[in-house]
Amino acid sequence: MKEKGIIFGIQRFSINDGPGIRTLVFLKGCNLRCQWCSNPEGQRFKPDLFFQPEKCIGCQACIKVCPERAIGIKKGQIFFQRELCKNCGKCTEVCYAEARVMKGKEMSVDEVIKEIIKDSAFYTRSQGGVTLGGGEPLLQVDFAVLILKKCKKRGLNTAIETAGHVPWENIEKVIPYTDLFLYDVKHMDPKIHEQYTGVNNKLILLNLEKLVKKGVLIIVRTPVIPGFNDTEADISDIAQHVAKFGIKEYDLLPYHGYGKNKYNLLGRDYPFKNDKILNEKEVEKLKIVALKQGLKVKIDG
């Protein structure tokens, strides 16, 4: 089993990723490329560099330590050639203004657990716990299993956020140590799904069916994305499929566009071109559609 993994964030006091107050651990690496991705820094398995030029104080310490000469100065201005950057992180170690920050670092299971148990009192009072998210946490499945095992030994409630596009054996490995699966179903049409996420939905829906047969607790979640799945017909199709399996809870996650600035920080173009934000009335209509299938529906975010 893998004792170390790549983490790109630990979010404390989360209330939207399972019951109660939770600690959300973000595992790096994802095999989907959703155009609207809110955590693009979680897509690659390697660390990524966030650069915020407005924070730069011009100390030039980064220039001195960059082994690739990706950072320099011209006419009194610091420039950054990201195409030369190898994400070694040396510039971040000397950037006191935090204009350069690495997203993603190797951590041991015990290091992760040490962070998690800092808030154990809040878990007890709120019936909360720990959620593994990403990225896609089930792509670092052995690391995830070890974290979940140690959480269960401490009596903590555990949850996993997954897009389900992983080998079934990865899901099987975590079932004994997972109290709740937060499972994304984004669209029922495999071609449209692939157009917007880079993969079709066949494996996702197959794994959901297998997971249901295991009798585990599942909440299906749909990020409601303008131009992709924001019609009543889209949500009705998903809700019908969810209800067919006897799943009781369904969450709608309206698009917020928070990932857009992160692409800028990564030096990448934001691939999603529809910036429409659904208003409260539009989202409520979609909720009513899902409620007609007998589901308990919640709007998150």
C-alpha atoms as a PDB file:
ATOM      1  CA  MET A   1       0.000   0.000   0.000  1.00  0.00           C
ATOM      2  CA  LYS A   2       1.183   3.492  -0.815  1.00  0.00           C
ATOM      3  CA  GLU A   3       2.103   5.419   2.337  1.00  0.00           C
ATOM      4  CA  LYS A   4       2.496   8.735   0.511  1.00  0.00           C
ATOM      5  CA  GLY A   5       0.405  10.667  -2.008  1.00  0.00           C
ATOM      6  CA  ILE A   6       0.036  14.056  -3.647  1.00  0.00           C
ATOM      7  CA  ILE A   7      -2.287  16.503  -1.878  1.00  0.00           C
ATOM      8  CA  PHE A   8      -3.161  19.955  -3.231  1.00  0.00           C
ATOM      9  CA  GLY A   9      -5.203  21.246  -0.360  1.00  0.00           C
ATOM     10  CA  ILE A  10      -6.831  20.561   3.000  1.00  0.00           C
ATOM     11  CA  GLN A  11      -9.982  22.571   3.641  1.00  0.00           C
ATOM     12  CA  ARG A  12     -11.205  22.784   7.206  1.00  0.00           C
ATOM     13  CA  PHE A  13     -14.743  23.532   8.415  1.00  0.00           C
ATOM     14  CA  SER A  14     -16.419  22.434   5.173  1.00  0.00           C
ATOM     15  CA  ILE A  15     -20.208  22.085   5.361  1.00  0.00           C
ATOM     16  CA  ASN A  16     -21.096  21.129   1.774  1.00  0.00           C
ATOM     17  CA  ASP A  17     -19.238  17.841   1.376  1.00  0.00           C
ATOM     18  CA  GLY A  18     -21.116  15.429   3.592  1.00  0.00           C
ATOM     19  CA  PRO A  19     -22.909  15.664   6.952  1.00  0.00           C
ATOM     20  CA  GLY A  20     -21.807  18.049   9.681  1.00  0.00           C
ATOM     21  CA  ILE A  21     -18.549  19.986   9.836  1.00  0.00           C
ATOM     22  CA  ARG A  22     -15.871  18.241   7.796  1.00  0.00           C
ATOM     23  CA  THR A  23     -12.272  18.378   6.720  1.00  0.00           C
ATOM     24  CA  LEU A  24     -11.960  18.072   2.949  1.00  0.00           C
ATOM     25  CA  VAL A  25      -8.701  16.558   1.700  1.00  0.00           C
ATOM     26  CA  PHE A  26      -7.949  17.230  -1.979  1.00  0.00           C
ATOM     27  CA  LEU A  27      -6.008  14.454  -3.728  1.00  0.00           C
ATOM     28  CA  LYS A  28      -4.262  15.461  -6.941  1.00  0.00           C
ATOM     29  CA  GLY A  29      -4.902  13.891 -10.338  1.00  0.00           C
ATOM     30  CA  CYS A  30      -8.018  13.546 -12.468  1.00  0.00           C
ATOM     31  CA  ASN A  31      -8.816  11.689 -15.690  1.00  0.00           C
ATOM     32  CA  LEU A  32     -11.687  14.006 -16.657  1.00  0.00           C
ATOM     33  CA  ARG A  33     -11.217  17.423 -18.219  1.00  0.00           C
ATOM     34  CA  CYS A  34     -14.510  19.131 -17.460  1.00  0.00           C
ATOM     35  CA  GLN A  35     -14.496  22.453 -19.282  1.00  0.00           C
ATOM     36  CA  TRP A  36     -15.853  24.299 -16.226  1.00  0.00           C
ATOM     37  CA  CYS A  37     -13.476  22.616 -13.735  1.00  0.00           C
ATOM     38  CA  SER A  38     -13.284  24.599 -10.485  1.00  0.00           C
ATOM     39  CA  ASN A  39     -10.066  22.891  -9.369  1.00  0.00           C
ATOM     40  CA  PRO A  40      -7.784  22.790 -12.439  1.00  0.00           C
ATOM     41  CA  GLU A  41      -4.791  22.635 -10.089  1.00  0.00           C
ATOM     42  CA  GLY A  42      -6.054  19.157  -9.182  1.00  0.00           C
ATOM     43  CA  GLN A  43      -5.984  17.737 -12.712  1.00  0.00           C
ATOM     44  CA  ARG A  44      -2.324  16.749 -13.025  1.00  0.00           C
ATOM     45  CA  PHE A  45      -0.603  14.305 -10.664  1.00  0.00           C
ATOM     46  CA  LYS A  46       2.417  16.593 -10.353  1.00  0.00           C
ATOM     47  CA  PRO A  47       2.661  19.915  -8.459  1.00  0.00           C
ATOM     48  CA  ASP A  48       1.559  23.047 -10.328  1.00  0.00           C
ATOM     49  CA  LEU A  49       2.684  26.650  -9.957  1.00  0.00           C
ATOM     50  CA  PHE A  50       0.203  29.427  -9.211  1.00  0.00           C
ATOM     51  CA  PHE A  51       1.603  32.825 -10.200  1.00  0.00           C
ATOM     52  CA  GLN A  52      -0.097  36.066  -9.118  1.00  0.00           C
ATOM     53  CA  PRO A  53       1.922  38.940 -10.671  1.00  0.00           C
ATOM     54  CA  GLU A  54      -0.030  41.588  -8.762  1.00  0.00           C
ATOM     55  CA  LYS A  55       1.508  40.263  -5.520  1.00  0.00           C
ATOM     56  CA  CYS A  56       5.085  40.468  -6.795  1.00  0.00           C
ATOM     57  CA  ILE A  57       7.189  43.005  -4.845  1.00  0.00           C
ATOM     58  CA  GLY A  58      10.099  42.883  -7.298  1.00  0.00           C
ATOM     59  CA  CYS A  59      12.670  41.464  -4.875  1.00  0.00           C
ATOM     60  CA  GLN A  60      14.163  39.323  -7.693  1.00  0.00           C
ATOM     61  CA  ALA A  61      14.906  36.404  -5.330  1.00  0.00           C
ATOM     62  CA  CYS A  62      13.097  34.075  -7.718  1.00  0.00           C
ATOM     63  CA  ILE A  63      15.412  35.029 -10.592  1.00  0.00           C
ATOM     64  CA  LYS A  64      18.460  33.926  -8.638  1.00  0.00           C
ATOM     65  CA  VAL A  65      17.146  30.450  -7.799  1.00  0.00           C
ATOM     66  CA  CYS A  66      15.344  29.448 -11.034  1.00  0.00           C
ATOM     67  CA  PRO A  67      17.436  26.652 -12.625  1.00  0.00           C
ATOM     68  CA  GLU A  68      15.600  26.909 -15.962  1.00  0.00           C
ATOM     69  CA  ARG A  69      16.042  30.688 -16.310  1.00  0.00           C
ATOM     70  CA  ALA A  70      12.290  30.930 -16.760  1.00  0.00           C
ATOM     71  CA  ILE A  71      12.262  34.159 -14.735  1.00  0.00           C
ATOM     72  CA  GLY A  72      14.240  37.246 -15.683  1.00  0.00           C
ATOM     73  CA  ILE A  73      14.220  41.007 -15.773  1.00  0.00           C
ATOM     74  CA  LYS A  74      13.958  43.287 -18.776  1.00  0.00           C
ATOM     75  CA  LYS A  75      13.742  47.073 -18.732  1.00  0.00           C
ATOM     76  CA  GLY A  76      13.228  46.950 -15.001  1.00  0.00           C
ATOM     77  CA  GLN A  77      10.300  44.510 -15.247  1.00  0.00           C
ATOM     78  CA  ILE A  78      10.319  40.883 -14.081  1.00  0.00           C
ATOM     79  CA  PHE A  79       9.105  38.476 -16.754  1.00  0.00           C
ATOM     80  CA  PHE A  80       8.103  34.832 -16.539  1.00  0.00           C
ATOM     81  CA  GLN A  81       8.420  32.345 -19.407  1.00  0.00           C
ATOM     82  CA  ARG A  82       6.092  29.633 -18.164  1.00  0.00           C
ATOM     83  CA  GLU A  83       6.921  27.338 -21.092  1.00  0.00           C
ATOM     84  CA  LEU A  84      10.413  26.950 -19.614  1.00  0.00           C
ATOM     85  CA  CYS A  85       9.148  26.285 -16.083  1.00  0.00           C
ATOM     86  CA  LYS A  86       9.525  22.705 -14.782  1.00  0.00           C
ATOM     87  CA  ASN A  87       7.471  23.334 -11.624  1.00  0.00           C
ATOM     88  CA  CYS A  88      10.432  22.584  -9.367  1.00  0.00           C
ATOM     89  CA  GLY A  89       9.098  25.029  -6.763  1.00  0.00           C
ATOM     90  CA  LYS A  90      12.397  26.682  -5.890  1.00  0.00           C
ATOM     91  CA  CYS A  91      11.004  30.129  -6.677  1.00  0.00           C
ATOM     92  CA  THR A  92       8.137  29.588  -4.223  1.00  0.00           C
ATOM     93  CA  GLU A  93      10.576  28.871  -1.403  1.00  0.00           C
ATOM     94  CA  VAL A  94      12.010  32.396  -1.655  1.00  0.00           C
ATOM     95  CA  CYS A  95       8.832  34.262  -2.635  1.00  0.00           C
ATOM     96  CA  TYR A  96       7.987  35.985   0.648  1.00  0.00           C
ATOM     97  CA  ALA A  97       5.071  37.875  -0.907  1.00  0.00           C
ATOM     98  CA  GLU A  98       3.508  34.550  -1.986  1.00  0.00           C
ATOM     99  CA  ALA A  99       3.171  35.685  -5.578  1.00  0.00           C
ATOM    100  CA  ARG A 100       4.413  32.192  -6.493  1.00  0.00           C
ATOM    101  CA  VAL A 101       2.805  29.243  -4.714  1.00  0.00           C
ATOM    102  CA  MET A 102       3.027  25.517  -5.429  1.00  0.00           C
ATOM    103  CA  LYS A 103      -0.242  23.618  -5.564  1.00  0.00           C
ATOM    104  CA  GLY A 104       0.438  20.014  -4.697  1.00  0.00           C
ATOM    105  CA  LYS A 105       2.905  18.372  -2.385  1.00  0.00           C
ATOM    106  CA  GLU A 106       3.751  14.873  -1.289  1.00  0.00           C
ATOM    107  CA  MET A 107       2.374  13.984   2.133  1.00  0.00           C
ATOM    108  CA  SER A 108       2.439  10.810   4.183  1.00  0.00           C
ATOM    109  CA  VAL A 109      -0.727   9.232   5.542  1.00  0.00           C
ATOM    110  CA  ASP A 110       0.300  10.205   9.069  1.00  0.00           C
ATOM    111  CA  GLU A 111       0.861  13.830   8.023  1.00  0.00           C
ATOM    112  CA  VAL A 112      -2.639  13.959   6.563  1.00  0.00           C
ATOM    113  CA  ILE A 113      -4.159  12.351   9.658  1.00  0.00           C
ATOM    114  CA  LYS A 114      -2.330  14.844  11.868  1.00  0.00           C
ATOM    115  CA  GLU A 115      -4.115  17.677  10.036  1.00  0.00           C
ATOM    116  CA  ILE A 116      -7.467  15.906  10.126  1.00  0.00           C
ATOM    117  CA  ILE A 117      -7.552  15.254  13.871  1.00  0.00           C
ATOM    118  CA  LYS A 118      -6.939  18.920  14.685  1.00  0.00           C
ATOM    119  CA  ASP A 119     -10.682  19.434  14.301  1.00  0.00           C
ATOM    120  CA  SER A 120     -11.908  16.168  15.822  1.00  0.00           C
ATOM    121  CA  ALA A 121     -13.928  18.049  18.462  1.00  0.00           C
ATOM    122  CA  PHE A 122     -15.986  19.707  15.722  1.00  0.00           C
ATOM    123  CA  TYR A 123     -16.681  16.356  14.058  1.00  0.00           C
ATOM    124  CA  THR A 124     -18.104  14.967  17.294  1.00  0.00           C
ATOM    125  CA  ARG A 125     -20.354  17.936  17.985  1.00  0.00           C
ATOM    126  CA  SER A 126     -21.721  18.214  14.442  1.00  0.00           C
ATOM    127  CA  GLN A 127     -21.668  14.524  13.459  1.00  0.00           C
ATOM    128  CA  GLY A 128     -19.193  15.500  10.780  1.00  0.00           C
ATOM    129  CA  GLY A 129     -16.004  13.877   9.596  1.00  0.00           C
ATOM    130  CA  VAL A 130     -13.575  13.610   6.714  1.00  0.00           C
ATOM    131  CA  THR A 131     -14.179  13.794   2.960  1.00  0.00           C
ATOM    132  CA  LEU A 132     -11.640  12.866   0.305  1.00  0.00           C
ATOM    133  CA  GLY A 133     -12.038  14.939  -2.860  1.00  0.00           C
ATOM    134  CA  GLY A 134      -9.908  16.064  -5.741  1.00  0.00           C
ATOM    135  CA  GLY A 135      -9.129  15.771  -8.527  1.00  0.00           C
ATOM    136  CA  GLU A 136     -10.317  12.198  -8.449  1.00  0.00           C
ATOM    137  CA  PRO A 137      -9.280  10.623  -5.132  1.00  0.00           C
ATOM    138  CA  LEU A 138      -9.847   7.084  -6.385  1.00  0.00           C
ATOM    139  CA  LEU A 139      -6.926   7.453  -8.801  1.00  0.00           C
ATOM    140  CA  GLN A 140      -4.670   7.454  -5.715  1.00  0.00           C
ATOM    141  CA  VAL A 141      -6.706   4.614  -4.289  1.00  0.00           C
ATOM    142  CA  ASP A 142      -4.106   2.860  -2.099  1.00  0.00           C
ATOM    143  CA  PHE A 143      -3.197   6.148  -0.443  1.00  0.00           C
ATOM    144  CA  ALA A 144      -6.901   6.921  -0.014  1.00  0.00           C
ATOM    145  CA  VAL A 145      -7.564   3.525   1.585  1.00  0.00           C
ATOM    146  CA  LEU A 146      -4.848   4.061   4.197  1.00  0.00           C
ATOM    147  CA  ILE A 147      -6.240   7.491   5.110  1.00  0.00           C
ATOM    148  CA  LEU A 148      -9.777   6.128   5.380  1.00  0.00           C
ATOM    149  CA  LYS A 149      -8.658   3.149   7.478  1.00  0.00           C
ATOM    150  CA  LYS A 150      -6.948   5.387  10.018  1.00  0.00           C
ATOM    151  CA  CYS A 151      -9.974   7.696  10.108  1.00  0.00           C
ATOM    152  CA  LYS A 152     -12.288   4.768  10.841  1.00  0.00           C
ATOM    153  CA  LYS A 153      -9.972   3.549  13.625  1.00  0.00           C
ATOM    154  CA  ARG A 154     -10.525   6.953  15.240  1.00  0.00           C
ATOM    155  CA  GLY A 155     -14.283   6.631  14.830  1.00  0.00           C
ATOM    156  CA  LEU A 156     -14.545   9.361  12.199  1.00  0.00           C
ATOM    157  CA  ASN A 157     -17.278   9.515   9.590  1.00  0.00           C
ATOM    158  CA  THR A 158     -15.784   9.191   6.090  1.00  0.00           C
ATOM    159  CA  ALA A 159     -16.933  10.251   2.641  1.00  0.00           C
ATOM    160  CA  ILE A 160     -15.519  10.232  -0.882  1.00  0.00           C
ATOM    161  CA  GLU A 161     -16.300  12.601  -3.734  1.00  0.00           C
ATOM    162  CA  THR A 162     -15.915  10.779  -7.038  1.00  0.00           C
ATOM    163  CA  ALA A 163     -16.763  11.189 -10.699  1.00  0.00           C
ATOM    164  CA  GLY A 164     -16.848   7.394 -10.957  1.00  0.00           C
ATOM    165  CA  HIS A 165     -14.629   7.129 -14.040  1.00  0.00           C
ATOM    166  CA  VAL A 166     -12.214   4.661 -12.462  1.00  0.00           C
ATOM    167  CA  PRO A 167     -11.728   0.885 -12.514  1.00  0.00           C
ATOM    168  CA  TRP A 168     -14.380  -0.857 -10.392  1.00  0.00           C
ATOM    169  CA  GLU A 169     -11.687  -2.502  -8.263  1.00  0.00           C
ATOM    170  CA  ASN A 170     -10.613   0.971  -7.095  1.00  0.00           C
ATOM    171  CA  ILE A 171     -14.100   1.611  -5.774  1.00  0.00           C
ATOM    172  CA  GLU A 172     -14.275  -1.830  -4.172  1.00  0.00           C
ATOM    173  CA  LYS A 173     -11.107  -1.152  -2.184  1.00  0.00           C
ATOM    174  CA  VAL A 174     -12.598   1.854  -0.370  1.00  0.00           C
ATOM    175  CA  ILE A 175     -16.126   0.531   0.260  1.00  0.00           C
ATOM    176  CA  PRO A 176     -15.299  -1.065   3.658  1.00  0.00           C
ATOM    177  CA  TYR A 177     -13.941   2.233   4.996  1.00  0.00           C
ATOM    178  CA  THR A 178     -16.375   4.741   3.427  1.00  0.00           C
ATOM    179  CA  ASP A 179     -19.638   5.811   5.052  1.00  0.00           C
ATOM    180  CA  LEU A 180     -20.861   7.969   2.171  1.00  0.00           C
ATOM    181  CA  PHE A 181     -20.205   8.259  -1.548  1.00  0.00           C
ATOM    182  CA  LEU A 182     -20.822  11.669  -3.134  1.00  0.00           C
ATOM    183  CA  TYR A 183     -21.158  10.510  -6.721  1.00  0.00           C
ATOM    184  CA  ASP A 184     -21.251  12.830  -9.732  1.00  0.00           C
ATOM    185  CA  VAL A 185     -23.658  12.180 -12.587  1.00  0.00           C
ATOM    186  CA  LYS A 186     -23.247  15.038 -15.030  1.00  0.00           C
ATOM    187  CA  HIS A 187     -25.239  14.018 -18.114  1.00  0.00           C
ATOM    188  CA  MET A 188     -27.101  11.001 -19.470  1.00  0.00           C
ATOM    189  CA  ASP A 189     -26.033  11.411 -23.096  1.00  0.00           C
ATOM    190  CA  PRO A 190     -22.598   9.758 -23.579  1.00  0.00           C
ATOM    191  CA  LYS A 191     -21.645  11.932 -26.565  1.00  0.00           C
ATOM    192  CA  ILE A 192     -22.500  15.226 -24.880  1.00  0.00           C
ATOM    193  CA  HIS A 193     -20.760  14.009 -21.737  1.00  0.00           C
ATOM    194  CA  GLU A 194     -17.591  13.290 -23.706  1.00  0.00           C
ATOM    195  CA  GLN A 195     -17.735  16.604 -25.569  1.00  0.00           C
ATOM    196  CA  TYR A 196     -17.630  18.572 -22.306  1.00  0.00           C
ATOM    197  CA  THR A 197     -15.602  16.299 -20.000  1.00  0.00           C
ATOM    198  CA  GLY A 198     -13.288  14.369 -22.321  1.00  0.00           C
ATOM    199  CA  VAL A 199     -14.815  10.961 -21.470  1.00  0.00           C
ATOM    200  CA  ASN A 200     -18.165   9.304 -22.078  1.00  0.00           C
ATOM    201  CA  ASN A 201     -20.396   8.305 -19.180  1.00  0.00           C
ATOM    202  CA  LYS A 202     -20.664   4.531 -19.706  1.00  0.00           C
ATOM    203  CA  LEU A 203     -18.166   3.496 -17.025  1.00  0.00           C
ATOM    204  CA  ILE A 204     -19.546   6.117 -14.633  1.00  0.00           C
ATOM    205  CA  LEU A 205     -23.108   4.804 -14.886  1.00  0.00           C
ATOM    206  CA  LEU A 206     -21.968   1.160 -14.748  1.00  0.00           C
ATOM    207  CA  ASN A 207     -19.971   1.796 -11.580  1.00  0.00           C
ATOM    208  CA  LEU A 208     -22.922   3.617 -10.031  1.00  0.00           C
ATOM    209  CA  GLU A 209     -25.128   0.588 -10.662  1.00  0.00           C
ATOM    210  CA  LYS A 210     -22.551  -1.733  -9.080  1.00  0.00           C
ATOM    211  CA  LEU A 211     -22.166   0.581  -6.106  1.00  0.00           C
ATOM    212  CA  VAL A 212     -25.923   0.634  -5.528  1.00  0.00           C
ATOM    213  CA  LYS A 213     -25.935  -3.176  -5.405  1.00  0.00           C
ATOM    214  CA  LYS A 214     -23.375  -3.032  -2.574  1.00  0.00           C
ATOM    215  CA  GLY A 215     -25.969  -1.286  -0.424  1.00  0.00           C
ATOM    216  CA  VAL A 216     -23.786   1.686   0.469  1.00  0.00           C
ATOM    217  CA  LEU A 217     -25.035   5.206   1.185  1.00  0.00           C
ATOM    218  CA  ILE A 218     -24.895   7.339  -1.962  1.00  0.00           C
ATOM    219  CA  ILE A 219     -25.777  10.946  -2.686  1.00  0.00           C
ATOM    220  CA  VAL A 220     -25.750  11.683  -6.399  1.00  0.00           C
ATOM    221  CA  ARG A 221     -24.634  15.177  -7.328  1.00  0.00           C
ATOM    222  CA  THR A 222     -24.984  17.108 -10.568  1.00  0.00           C
ATOM    223  CA  PRO A 223     -23.028  20.271 -11.267  1.00  0.00           C
ATOM    224  CA  VAL A 224     -25.602  22.347 -13.151  1.00  0.00           C
ATOM    225  CA  ILE A 225     -23.680  23.852 -16.048  1.00  0.00           C
ATOM    226  CA  PRO A 226     -25.154  26.416 -18.473  1.00  0.00           C
ATOM    227  CA  GLY A 227     -25.400  25.091 -22.002  1.00  0.00           C
ATOM    228  CA  PHE A 228     -24.463  21.574 -20.899  1.00  0.00           C
ATOM    229  CA  ASN A 229     -27.123  20.184 -18.564  1.00  0.00           C
ATOM    230  CA  ASP A 230     -29.224  23.121 -17.338  1.00  0.00           C
ATOM    231  CA  THR A 231     -32.531  22.252 -19.034  1.00  0.00           C
ATOM    232  CA  GLU A 232     -35.471  20.624 -17.295  1.00  0.00           C
ATOM    233  CA  ALA A 233     -35.131  17.666 -19.675  1.00  0.00           C
ATOM    234  CA  ASP A 234     -31.463  17.192 -18.732  1.00  0.00           C
ATOM    235  CA  ILE A 235     -32.152  17.156 -14.994  1.00  0.00           C
ATOM    236  CA  SER A 236     -35.280  15.029 -15.407  1.00  0.00           C
ATOM    237  CA  ASP A 237     -33.270  12.360 -17.256  1.00  0.00           C
ATOM    238  CA  ILE A 238     -30.651  12.230 -14.516  1.00  0.00           C
ATOM    239  CA  ALA A 239     -33.218  12.277 -11.681  1.00  0.00           C
ATOM    240  CA  GLN A 240     -35.172   9.421 -13.260  1.00  0.00           C
ATOM    241  CA  HIS A 241     -32.008   7.356 -13.529  1.00  0.00           C
ATOM    242  CA  VAL A 242     -31.078   8.068  -9.907  1.00  0.00           C
ATOM    243  CA  ALA A 243     -34.558   7.250  -8.606  1.00  0.00           C
ATOM    244  CA  LYS A 244     -34.628   3.996 -10.610  1.00  0.00           C
ATOM    245  CA  PHE A 245     -31.821   2.663  -8.431  1.00  0.00           C
ATOM    246  CA  GLY A 246     -33.547   3.567  -5.182  1.00  0.00           C
ATOM    247  CA  ILE A 247     -31.103   6.338  -4.348  1.00  0.00           C
ATOM    248  CA  LYS A 248     -32.909   8.834  -2.143  1.00  0.00           C
ATOM    249  CA  GLU A 249     -30.744  11.962  -2.095  1.00  0.00           C
ATOM    250  CA  TYR A 250     -29.803  14.189  -5.006  1.00  0.00           C
ATOM    251  CA  ASP A 251     -27.819  17.427  -4.892  1.00  0.00           C
ATOM    252  CA  LEU A 252     -27.744  20.176  -7.509  1.00  0.00           C
ATOM    253  CA  LEU A 253     -24.535  22.219  -7.623  1.00  0.00           C
ATOM    254  CA  PRO A 254     -25.104  25.414  -9.658  1.00  0.00           C
ATOM    255  CA  TYR A 255     -22.211  26.656 -11.794  1.00  0.00           C
ATOM    256  CA  HIS A 256     -20.255  29.465 -10.124  1.00  0.00           C
ATOM    257  CA  GLY A 257     -17.241  30.108 -12.347  1.00  0.00           C
ATOM    258  CA  TYR A 258     -14.780  30.067  -9.418  1.00  0.00           C
ATOM    259  CA  GLY A 259     -12.272  28.073 -11.451  1.00  0.00           C
ATOM    260  CA  LYS A 260     -11.837  30.733 -14.106  1.00  0.00           C
ATOM    261  CA  ASN A 261      -9.237  32.765 -12.218  1.00  0.00           C
ATOM    262  CA  LYS A 262      -7.339  29.602 -11.283  1.00  0.00           C
ATOM    263  CA  TYR A 263      -6.680  28.949 -14.972  1.00  0.00           C
ATOM    264  CA  ASN A 264      -5.115  32.411 -15.157  1.00  0.00           C
ATOM    265  CA  LEU A 265      -2.911  31.603 -12.174  1.00  0.00           C
ATOM    266  CA  LEU A 266      -1.798  28.413 -13.953  1.00  0.00           C
ATOM    267  CA  GLY A 267      -1.102  30.292 -17.181  1.00  0.00           C
ATOM    268  CA  ARG A 268      -3.803  28.341 -18.999  1.00  0.00           C
ATOM    269  CA  ASP A 269      -6.841  29.377 -21.048  1.00  0.00           C
ATOM    270  CA  TYR A 270     -10.222  28.740 -19.450  1.00  0.00           C
ATOM    271  CA  PRO A 271     -11.884  26.251 -21.830  1.00  0.00           C
ATOM    272  CA  PHE A 272     -15.489  26.935 -20.846  1.00  0.00           C
ATOM    273  CA  LYS A 273     -17.031  29.759 -22.871  1.00  0.00           C
ATOM    274  CA  ASN A 274     -20.488  30.039 -21.290  1.00  0.00           C
ATOM    275  CA  ASP A 275     -20.277  32.393 -18.307  1.00  0.00           C
ATOM    276  CA  LYS A 276     -23.989  32.509 -17.592  1.00  0.00           C
ATOM    277  CA  ILE A 277     -24.849  32.172 -13.905  1.00  0.00           C
ATOM    278  CA  LEU A 278     -28.250  30.598 -13.298  1.00  0.00           C
ATOM    279  CA  ASN A 279     -30.487  32.694 -11.079  1.00  0.00           C
ATOM    280  CA  GLU A 280     -32.273  31.318  -8.041  1.00  0.00           C
ATOM    281  CA  LYS A 281     -35.598  30.958  -9.845  1.00  0.00           C
ATOM    282  CA  GLU A 282     -34.025  28.914 -12.672  1.00  0.00           C
ATOM    283  CA  VAL A 283     -32.328  26.547 -10.230  1.00  0.00           C
ATOM    284  CA  GLU A 284     -35.544  26.139  -8.216  1.00  0.00           C
ATOM    285  CA  LYS A 285     -37.347  25.019 -11.401  1.00  0.00           C
ATOM    286  CA  LEU A 286     -34.748  22.298 -11.859  1.00  0.00           C
ATOM    287  CA  LYS A 287     -35.149  21.262  -8.236  1.00  0.00           C
ATOM    288  CA  ILE A 288     -38.900  20.857  -8.729  1.00  0.00           C
ATOM    289  CA  VAL A 289     -38.256  18.619 -11.742  1.00  0.00           C
ATOM    290  CA  ALA A 290     -36.046  16.342  -9.626  1.00  0.00           C
ATOM    291  CA  LEU A 291     -38.498  16.371  -6.715  1.00  0.00           C
ATOM    292  CA  LYS A 292     -41.129  14.845  -9.024  1.00  0.00           C
ATOM    293  CA  GLN A 293     -39.036  11.667  -9.047  1.00  0.00           C
ATOM    294  CA  GLY A 294     -39.491  11.273  -5.295  1.00  0.00           C
ATOM    295  CA  LEU A 295     -35.979  12.368  -4.445  1.00  0.00           C
ATOM    296  CA  LYS A 296     -34.800  14.445  -1.527  1.00  0.00           C
ATOM    297  CA  VAL A 297     -33.212  17.356  -3.406  1.00  0.00           C
ATOM    298  CA  LYS A 298     -30.765  19.912  -2.063  1.00  0.00           C
ATOM    299  CA  ILE A 299     -29.163  22.907  -3.781  1.00  0.00           C
ATOM    300  CA  ASP A 300     -25.548  23.358  -2.690  1.00  0.00           C
ATOM    301  CA  GLY A 301     -23.332  26.355  -3.214  1.00  0.00           C
END
